[in-house]
C-alpha atoms as a PDB file:
ATOM      1  CA  MET A   1     -18.360   3.217 -22.276  1.00  0.00           C
ATOM      2  CA  ILE A   2     -17.142  -0.298 -21.522  1.00  0.00           C
ATOM      3  CA  THR A   3     -15.311  -0.950 -18.285  1.00  0.00           C
ATOM      4  CA  THR A   4     -13.634  -4.138 -17.195  1.00  0.00           C
ATOM      5  CA  GLU A   5     -13.194  -5.186 -13.626  1.00  0.00           C
ATOM      6  CA  THR A   6     -10.797  -7.912 -12.635  1.00  0.00           C
ATOM      7  CA  LEU A   7     -12.123 -10.384 -10.138  1.00  0.00           C
ATOM      8  CA  TYR A   8      -9.624 -11.620  -7.613  1.00  0.00           C
ATOM      9  CA  ARG A   9      -9.783 -14.831  -5.676  1.00  0.00           C
ATOM     10  CA  PHE A  10      -7.466 -13.804  -2.829  1.00  0.00           C
ATOM     11  CA  LEU A  11      -7.613  -9.983  -2.877  1.00  0.00           C
ATOM     12  CA  SER A  12     -10.326  -7.600  -1.754  1.00  0.00           C
ATOM     13  CA  PRO A  13     -10.703  -4.039  -0.426  1.00  0.00           C
ATOM     14  CA  ASN A  14     -10.496  -3.431   3.301  1.00  0.00           C
ATOM     15  CA  PRO A  15     -13.325  -1.030   4.190  1.00  0.00           C
ATOM     16  CA  LYS A  16     -11.729  -0.300   7.577  1.00  0.00           C
ATOM     17  CA  SER A  17      -8.498   0.960   6.007  1.00  0.00           C
ATOM     18  CA  ALA A  18      -7.600   4.384   4.664  1.00  0.00           C
ATOM     19  CA  TYR A  19      -5.731   2.563   1.882  1.00  0.00           C
ATOM     20  CA  LYS A  20      -7.735   2.084  -1.302  1.00  0.00           C
ATOM     21  CA  GLN A  21      -5.547  -0.686  -2.700  1.00  0.00           C
ATOM     22  CA  LEU A  22      -6.468  -4.334  -2.284  1.00  0.00           C
ATOM     23  CA  PHE A  23      -5.519  -6.513   0.665  1.00  0.00           C
ATOM     24  CA  VAL A  24      -5.187 -10.261   1.010  1.00  0.00           C
ATOM     25  CA  SER A  25      -8.770 -11.180   1.902  1.00  0.00           C
ATOM     26  CA  GLY A  26      -9.383 -11.619   5.612  1.00  0.00           C
ATOM     27  CA  THR A  27      -6.051 -10.037   6.574  1.00  0.00           C
ATOM     28  CA  ARG A  28      -4.538  -6.604   7.036  1.00  0.00           C
ATOM     29  CA  ILE A  29      -1.788  -7.407   4.509  1.00  0.00           C
ATOM     30  CA  ARG A  30      -1.726  -4.960   1.609  1.00  0.00           C
ATOM     31  CA  ALA A  31      -0.904  -6.363  -1.820  1.00  0.00           C
ATOM     32  CA  GLN A  32       1.809  -3.722  -2.152  1.00  0.00           C
ATOM     33  CA  VAL A  33       3.600  -5.055   0.932  1.00  0.00           C
ATOM     34  CA  LEU A  34       3.906  -8.487  -0.657  1.00  0.00           C
ATOM     35  CA  TYR A  35       4.970  -6.952  -3.948  1.00  0.00           C
ATOM     36  CA  GLY A  36       7.667  -4.979  -2.153  1.00  0.00           C
ATOM     37  CA  TRP A  37       9.298  -8.206  -0.977  1.00  0.00           C
ATOM     38  CA  PHE A  38       9.127  -9.583  -4.524  1.00  0.00           C
ATOM     39  CA  ALA A  39      10.478  -6.497  -6.319  1.00  0.00           C
ATOM     40  CA  GLY A  40      12.732  -5.040  -3.601  1.00  0.00           C
ATOM     41  CA  ASP A  41      16.496  -4.706  -3.375  1.00  0.00           C
ATOM     42  CA  GLU A  42      16.802  -8.266  -2.090  1.00  0.00           C
ATOM     43  CA  PRO A  43      13.929  -9.963  -3.928  1.00  0.00           C
ATOM     44  CA  MET A  44      12.200 -13.004  -2.549  1.00  0.00           C
ATOM     45  CA  THR A  45      10.343 -15.655  -4.517  1.00  0.00           C
ATOM     46  CA  PRO A  46       6.572 -15.923  -4.210  1.00  0.00           C
ATOM     47  CA  GLU A  47       7.122 -19.193  -2.364  1.00  0.00           C
ATOM     48  CA  GLU A  48       9.383 -17.531   0.225  1.00  0.00           C
ATOM     49  CA  ILE A  49       6.949 -14.661   0.740  1.00  0.00           C
ATOM     50  CA  ALA A  50       4.028 -17.063   1.097  1.00  0.00           C
ATOM     51  CA  ALA A  51       5.933 -19.090   3.701  1.00  0.00           C
ATOM     52  CA  ASP A  52       6.889 -15.971   5.677  1.00  0.00           C
ATOM     53  CA  TYR A  53       3.298 -14.692   5.781  1.00  0.00           C
ATOM     54  CA  GLY A  54       1.542 -18.048   6.053  1.00  0.00           C
ATOM     55  CA  LEU A  55      -0.332 -17.471   2.785  1.00  0.00           C
ATOM     56  CA  PRO A  56      -1.037 -19.613  -0.260  1.00  0.00           C
ATOM     57  CA  VAL A  57       1.498 -19.043  -3.039  1.00  0.00           C
ATOM     58  CA  GLU A  58      -1.428 -18.211  -5.324  1.00  0.00           C
ATOM     59  CA  ALA A  59      -2.369 -15.265  -3.080  1.00  0.00           C
ATOM     60  CA  VAL A  60       1.146 -13.853  -3.348  1.00  0.00           C
ATOM     61  CA  GLU A  61       1.184 -14.372  -7.114  1.00  0.00           C
ATOM     62  CA  GLU A  62      -2.174 -12.616  -7.387  1.00  0.00           C
ATOM     63  CA  ALA A  63      -0.871  -9.677  -5.326  1.00  0.00           C
ATOM     64  CA  ILE A  64       2.172  -9.417  -7.586  1.00  0.00           C
ATOM     65  CA  ALA A  65       0.033  -9.456 -10.740  1.00  0.00           C
ATOM     66  CA  TYR A  66      -2.301  -6.846  -9.231  1.00  0.00           C
ATOM     67  CA  CYS A  67       0.563  -4.475  -8.411  1.00  0.00           C
ATOM     68  CA  GLU A  68       2.252  -5.006 -11.769  1.00  0.00           C
ATOM     69  CA  SER A  69      -1.003  -3.975 -13.479  1.00  0.00           C
ATOM     70  CA  GLN A  70      -0.472  -0.515 -11.915  1.00  0.00           C
ATOM     71  CA  PRO A  71      -4.012   0.083 -10.643  1.00  0.00           C
ATOM     72  CA  PRO A  72      -4.802   3.764 -10.007  1.00  0.00           C
ATOM     73  CA  GLU A  73      -5.513   3.186  -6.321  1.00  0.00           C
ATOM     74  CA  LEU A  74      -1.841   2.317  -5.727  1.00  0.00           C
ATOM     75  CA  GLU A  75      -0.755   5.714  -7.054  1.00  0.00           C
ATOM     76  CA  GLU A  76      -3.489   7.427  -5.028  1.00  0.00           C
ATOM     77  CA  ASP A  77      -2.315   5.713  -1.833  1.00  0.00           C
ATOM     78  CA  TYR A  78       1.300   6.617  -2.583  1.00  0.00           C
ATOM     79  CA  SER A  79       0.443  10.260  -3.311  1.00  0.00           C
ATOM     80  CA  ARG A  80      -1.609  10.539  -0.122  1.00  0.00           C
ATOM     81  CA  GLU A  81       1.251   9.099   1.975  1.00  0.00           C
ATOM     82  CA  GLU A  82       3.777  11.433   0.355  1.00  0.00           C
ATOM     83  CA  ALA A  83       1.552  14.463   1.021  1.00  0.00           C
ATOM     84  CA  LEU A  84       1.183  13.433   4.669  1.00  0.00           C
ATOM     85  CA  MET A  85       4.942  12.947   5.072  1.00  0.00           C
ATOM     86  CA  GLN A  86       5.596  16.336   3.491  1.00  0.00           C
ATOM     87  CA  ALA A  87       3.002  18.101   5.655  1.00  0.00           C
ATOM     88  CA  THR A  88       4.332  16.586   8.893  1.00  0.00           C
ATOM     89  CA  GLY A  89       7.988  17.227   8.099  1.00  0.00           C
ATOM     90  CA  MET A  90       8.918  13.574   7.757  1.00  0.00           C
ATOM     91  CA  ASN A  91      10.631  14.306   4.423  1.00  0.00           C
ATOM     92  CA  GLU A  92      13.005  16.820   6.021  1.00  0.00           C
ATOM     93  CA  PRO A  93      16.695  15.803   5.743  1.00  0.00           C
ATOM     94  CA  ASN A  94      17.269  15.971   9.514  1.00  0.00           C
ATOM     95  CA  TYR A  95      14.089  14.099  10.457  1.00  0.00           C
ATOM     96  CA  LYS A  96      15.992  10.886  11.203  1.00  0.00           C
ATOM     97  CA  ASP A  97      18.067  12.741  13.829  1.00  0.00           C
ATOM     98  CA  HIS A  98      15.020  14.345  15.501  1.00  0.00           C
ATOM     99  CA  PRO A  99      11.992  12.202  14.585  1.00  0.00           C
ATOM    100  CA  THR A 100       9.179  14.402  15.844  1.00  0.00           C
ATOM    101  CA  PRO A 101       6.493  14.894  13.212  1.00  0.00           C
ATOM    102  CA  LYS A 102       4.560  18.131  13.113  1.00  0.00           C
ATOM    103  CA  LEU A 103       1.071  17.654  14.521  1.00  0.00           C
ATOM    104  CA  LEU A 104      -1.590  18.536  11.989  1.00  0.00           C
ATOM    105  CA  SER A 105      -4.779  20.342  12.834  1.00  0.00           C
ATOM    106  CA  PRO A 106      -8.092  18.667  11.986  1.00  0.00           C
ATOM    107  CA  ARG A 107      -8.457  21.154   9.133  1.00  0.00           C
ATOM    108  CA  GLU A 108      -5.030  20.260   7.707  1.00  0.00           C
ATOM    109  CA  ARG A 109      -5.839  16.537   7.959  1.00  0.00           C
ATOM    110  CA  GLU A 110      -9.137  17.087   6.156  1.00  0.00           C
ATOM    111  CA  GLN A 111      -7.375  19.017   3.391  1.00  0.00           C
ATOM    112  CA  LEU A 112      -4.953  16.134   2.901  1.00  0.00           C
ATOM    113  CA  LYS A 113      -7.822  13.651   2.655  1.00  0.00           C
ATOM    114  CA  GLN A 114      -9.460  15.746  -0.054  1.00  0.00           C
ATOM    115  CA  SER A 115      -6.342  16.155  -2.182  1.00  0.00           C
END
């Protein structure tokens, strides 16, 4: 079996984060955050994003390319967040009126990590 691994100049994992997706190296900025500004409802250019975050334009462009490649870790992070929001009641229609998430037991938290 042949596997290919893309090497990134500006992106790397953050071992201290629960997120599996890549971050801008040496920062706590997830690639998906930058991509969200690029592909959102009011899109920004890579140059605007780079200026706002104090990053090289190349780092923003690399983050965009990474997210557009749809790596599996992005879907895993998204699924984990959705499961947590569902378990704590944050997806309930009235949550915005009474924003008090349900506290999860250690066992429930562990189950979410394993799913």
